[in-house]
Amino acid sequence: PGSQRLPTWDTVTSAVEIIMAAELPGRALPNVLITGTPGTGKSSTSSEVASITLLRHINVGDLAKEKRMFESWDDEYGCPVLDEDKIVDELEEMMSAGGNVVEYHGCSFFPQRWFDAVFVLRTDNTILYDRLSERGYTGRKLTENVECEIFQTILEEANDSYSPEIVYELRSDTVEQLESNVERIAAFVEQWKAAHN
């Protein structure tokens, strides 16, 4: 992380130009991934972005529950384990068509070709601890999620899984930052649409 340079918001225009160079046929609308450790504000941000941009909001966790796309149950964490292959198969047609805001706390199993931008929400570990505690997270589940944020696990996963030019780190500690993030992501969508239509 110390030697790795992440794109800043100022590089969005150049990212749109890079995306244009690798244009996928038949897509008039972009696909955006909003990811981050649980408690960083993915659902609030994603639903607001979808509302403003009129893109389809896909909460992968909700989709998995609705369609029962689980491999097993993790007793240690008290949660189901996603069947990633079923998720990818379910989403393939929608993602190929474009126009989606996808949210999930992981990103490495999604095909790279799906996304035009990957936004990783980051939250101060003290704030995150309080948010997760309020959700009822305790013990190892709480500790490991906070450690995941401290060690930038999701950010590193995004940078390892996607071209660095399309990965953006956004702070999500306050309501004001959430609102700013929504505006930035919506602006990216509008720039992408203008560049492709």
Protein backbone atom coordinates (compact mmCIF):
# COMPACT_ATOMS: atom_id res chain seq x y z
CA PRO A 1 0.00 0.00 0.00
CA GLY A 2 2.80 2.49 0.72
CA SER A 3 4.21 2.29 -2.81
CA GLN A 4 0.90 1.77 -4.55
CA ARG A 5 -0.65 4.98 -5.88
CA LEU A 6 -4.43 5.04 -5.91
CA PRO A 7 -6.31 7.20 -8.40
CA THR A 8 -7.75 10.40 -7.03
CA TRP A 9 -11.07 11.89 -7.93
CA ASP A 10 -9.21 14.18 -10.36
CA THR A 11 -8.42 11.14 -12.50
CA VAL A 12 -12.06 10.29 -13.21
CA THR A 13 -11.97 12.06 -16.57
CA SER A 14 -8.91 10.10 -17.65
CA ALA A 15 -10.53 6.89 -16.38
CA VAL A 16 -13.55 7.58 -18.58
CA GLU A 17 -11.17 8.03 -21.52
CA ILE A 18 -9.48 4.70 -20.73
CA ILE A 19 -12.87 3.01 -20.52
CA MET A 20 -13.87 4.53 -23.86
CA ALA A 21 -10.80 2.97 -25.44
CA ALA A 22 -11.94 -0.47 -24.28
CA GLU A 23 -15.58 0.09 -25.14
CA LEU A 24 -17.83 -2.93 -24.80
CA PRO A 25 -20.36 -3.33 -27.61
CA GLY A 26 -24.04 -2.84 -26.83
CA ARG A 27 -23.75 -1.03 -23.50
CA ALA A 28 -25.25 2.44 -23.23
CA LEU A 29 -25.05 2.58 -19.42
CA PRO A 30 -22.18 1.86 -17.04
CA ASN A 31 -21.90 -0.71 -14.29
CA VAL A 32 -20.58 0.53 -10.96
CA LEU A 33 -19.46 -1.53 -7.96
CA ILE A 34 -19.70 -0.03 -4.48
CA THR A 35 -17.80 -2.15 -2.01
CA GLY A 36 -16.24 -1.94 1.43
CA THR A 37 -16.16 -3.53 4.85
CA PRO A 38 -19.60 -4.06 6.44
CA GLY A 39 -20.68 -0.81 8.09
CA THR A 40 -18.99 1.60 5.68
CA GLY A 41 -22.26 2.82 4.14
CA LYS A 42 -22.58 0.70 0.99
CA SER A 43 -26.37 0.29 1.13
CA SER A 44 -27.11 3.96 1.79
CA THR A 45 -24.66 5.12 -0.86
CA SER A 46 -25.77 2.56 -3.46
CA SER A 47 -29.48 3.18 -3.06
CA GLU A 48 -28.95 6.96 -3.30
CA VAL A 49 -26.76 6.62 -6.40
CA ALA A 50 -29.32 4.35 -8.06
CA SER A 51 -32.11 6.76 -7.21
CA ILE A 52 -30.28 9.76 -8.69
CA THR A 53 -28.90 8.03 -11.78
CA LEU A 54 -31.90 5.76 -12.41
CA LEU A 55 -29.59 2.75 -12.63
CA ARG A 56 -30.68 -0.62 -11.24
CA HIS A 57 -29.57 -1.20 -7.62
CA ILE A 58 -28.36 -4.73 -6.95
CA ASN A 59 -27.61 -5.66 -3.35
CA VAL A 60 -25.79 -8.98 -3.78
CA GLY A 61 -26.51 -10.10 -0.20
CA ASP A 62 -30.25 -9.51 -0.64
CA LEU A 63 -30.23 -11.23 -4.04
CA ALA A 64 -28.51 -14.27 -2.52
CA LYS A 65 -31.13 -14.47 0.24
CA GLU A 66 -34.03 -14.00 -2.16
CA LYS A 67 -32.78 -16.69 -4.59
CA ARG A 68 -31.20 -18.92 -1.91
CA MET A 69 -27.76 -18.81 -3.48
CA PHE A 70 -25.71 -20.21 -0.63
CA GLU A 71 -23.19 -23.03 -0.48
CA SER A 72 -23.27 -23.58 3.26
CA TRP A 73 -23.61 -22.00 6.69
CA ASP A 74 -20.62 -20.61 8.57
CA ASP A 75 -21.17 -21.47 12.25
CA GLU A 76 -18.18 -19.44 13.35
CA TYR A 77 -19.53 -16.17 11.92
CA GLY A 78 -23.21 -17.03 12.07
CA CYS A 79 -23.87 -16.31 8.41
CA PRO A 80 -24.38 -18.10 5.11
CA VAL A 81 -21.57 -18.61 2.58
CA LEU A 82 -22.42 -17.33 -0.90
CA ASP A 83 -22.43 -19.58 -3.92
CA GLU A 84 -20.35 -17.20 -6.02
CA ASP A 85 -20.82 -19.15 -9.26
CA LYS A 86 -24.60 -18.97 -8.94
CA ILE A 87 -24.41 -15.23 -8.22
CA VAL A 88 -22.27 -14.63 -11.32
CA ASP A 89 -24.60 -16.75 -13.48
CA GLU A 90 -27.65 -14.89 -12.13
CA LEU A 91 -26.15 -11.45 -12.81
CA GLU A 92 -24.41 -12.11 -16.14
CA GLU A 93 -27.23 -10.95 -18.43
CA MET A 94 -28.01 -7.82 -16.38
CA MET A 95 -24.36 -6.87 -16.17
CA SER A 96 -23.82 -7.40 -19.90
CA ALA A 97 -26.69 -5.01 -20.59
CA GLY A 98 -25.21 -2.33 -18.28
CA GLY A 99 -26.94 0.19 -16.05
CA ASN A 100 -26.26 -1.36 -12.65
CA VAL A 101 -25.10 -0.18 -9.23
CA VAL A 102 -23.88 -3.32 -7.46
CA GLU A 103 -23.09 -3.41 -3.75
CA TYR A 104 -21.30 -6.11 -1.83
CA HIS A 105 -18.62 -6.38 0.85
CA GLY A 106 -16.30 -8.33 -1.43
CA CYS A 107 -15.33 -7.94 -5.04
CA SER A 108 -12.78 -10.52 -6.19
CA PHE A 109 -15.25 -13.07 -7.58
CA PHE A 110 -16.99 -10.68 -9.99
CA PRO A 111 -15.65 -10.75 -13.58
CA GLN A 112 -13.41 -7.78 -14.24
CA ARG A 113 -15.25 -7.00 -17.49
CA TRP A 114 -18.44 -6.14 -15.59
CA PHE A 115 -17.42 -2.86 -14.00
CA ASP A 116 -16.55 0.56 -15.33
CA ALA A 117 -15.73 1.88 -11.85
CA VAL A 118 -15.15 0.32 -8.44
CA PHE A 119 -15.71 2.57 -5.43
CA VAL A 120 -14.27 1.32 -2.13
CA LEU A 121 -15.85 3.00 0.90
CA ARG A 122 -13.51 3.46 3.86
CA THR A 123 -14.43 4.30 7.45
CA ASP A 124 -12.37 5.20 10.49
CA ASN A 125 -12.01 2.04 12.60
CA THR A 126 -13.44 3.68 15.76
CA ILE A 127 -16.55 4.82 13.89
CA LEU A 128 -16.81 1.42 12.22
CA TYR A 129 -16.55 -0.37 15.58
CA ASP A 130 -19.49 1.68 16.90
CA ARG A 131 -21.59 1.10 13.77
CA LEU A 132 -21.03 -2.66 13.82
CA SER A 133 -21.69 -2.86 17.57
CA GLU A 134 -25.02 -1.10 17.00
CA ARG A 135 -25.83 -3.78 14.40
CA GLY A 136 -25.24 -6.47 16.98
CA TYR A 137 -21.81 -7.62 15.83
CA THR A 138 -19.83 -9.10 18.72
CA GLY A 139 -16.72 -11.15 19.40
CA ARG A 140 -14.67 -12.41 16.51
CA LYS A 141 -17.11 -11.16 13.86
CA LEU A 142 -16.79 -7.60 15.18
CA THR A 143 -13.02 -7.77 15.68
CA GLU A 144 -12.25 -9.27 12.27
CA ASN A 145 -14.41 -6.76 10.40
CA VAL A 146 -12.67 -3.84 12.14
CA GLU A 147 -9.29 -5.45 11.44
CA CYS A 148 -10.34 -5.89 7.80
CA GLU A 149 -10.81 -2.12 7.61
CA ILE A 150 -7.58 -1.33 9.47
CA PHE A 151 -5.57 -3.53 7.11
CA GLN A 152 -7.38 -2.21 4.00
CA THR A 153 -8.39 -5.72 2.98
CA ILE A 154 -11.24 -4.71 0.65
CA LEU A 155 -9.20 -1.90 -0.92
CA GLU A 156 -6.34 -4.31 -1.63
CA GLU A 157 -8.80 -6.89 -3.00
CA ALA A 158 -10.24 -4.26 -5.36
CA ASN A 159 -6.79 -3.19 -6.55
CA ASP A 160 -5.77 -6.81 -7.09
CA SER A 161 -8.99 -7.65 -8.96
CA TYR A 162 -9.45 -4.59 -11.19
CA SER A 163 -7.38 -2.13 -13.17
CA PRO A 164 -6.10 0.53 -10.76
CA GLU A 165 -7.44 3.24 -13.10
CA ILE A 166 -11.03 2.31 -12.20
CA VAL A 167 -10.63 1.82 -8.42
CA TYR A 168 -11.50 4.81 -6.22
CA GLU A 169 -11.17 5.06 -2.44
CA LEU A 170 -13.85 7.23 -0.79
CA ARG A 171 -14.02 8.22 2.90
CA SER A 172 -17.37 7.39 4.49
CA ASP A 173 -17.20 8.57 8.11
CA THR A 174 -19.94 11.21 8.10
CA VAL A 175 -23.29 11.98 6.50
CA GLU A 176 -21.61 14.82 4.61
CA GLN A 177 -19.03 12.44 3.17
CA LEU A 178 -21.77 10.00 2.21
CA GLU A 179 -23.60 12.78 0.35
CA SER A 180 -20.36 13.87 -1.35
CA ASN A 181 -19.66 10.27 -2.37
CA VAL A 182 -23.12 9.93 -3.88
CA GLU A 183 -22.53 13.11 -5.90
CA ARG A 184 -19.11 11.91 -7.08
CA ILE A 185 -20.37 8.50 -8.17
CA ALA A 186 -23.41 10.04 -9.89
CA ALA A 187 -21.05 12.46 -11.68
CA PHE A 188 -18.96 9.50 -12.88
CA VAL A 189 -22.12 7.86 -14.26
CA GLU A 190 -23.09 11.04 -16.11
CA GLN A 191 -19.57 11.45 -17.55
CA TRP A 192 -19.57 7.84 -18.69
CA LYS A 193 -22.98 8.24 -20.35
CA ALA A 194 -21.90 11.44 -22.10
CA ALA A 195 -18.74 9.77 -23.37
CA HIS A 196 -20.60 6.71 -24.70
CA ASN A 197 -23.72 8.23 -26.24
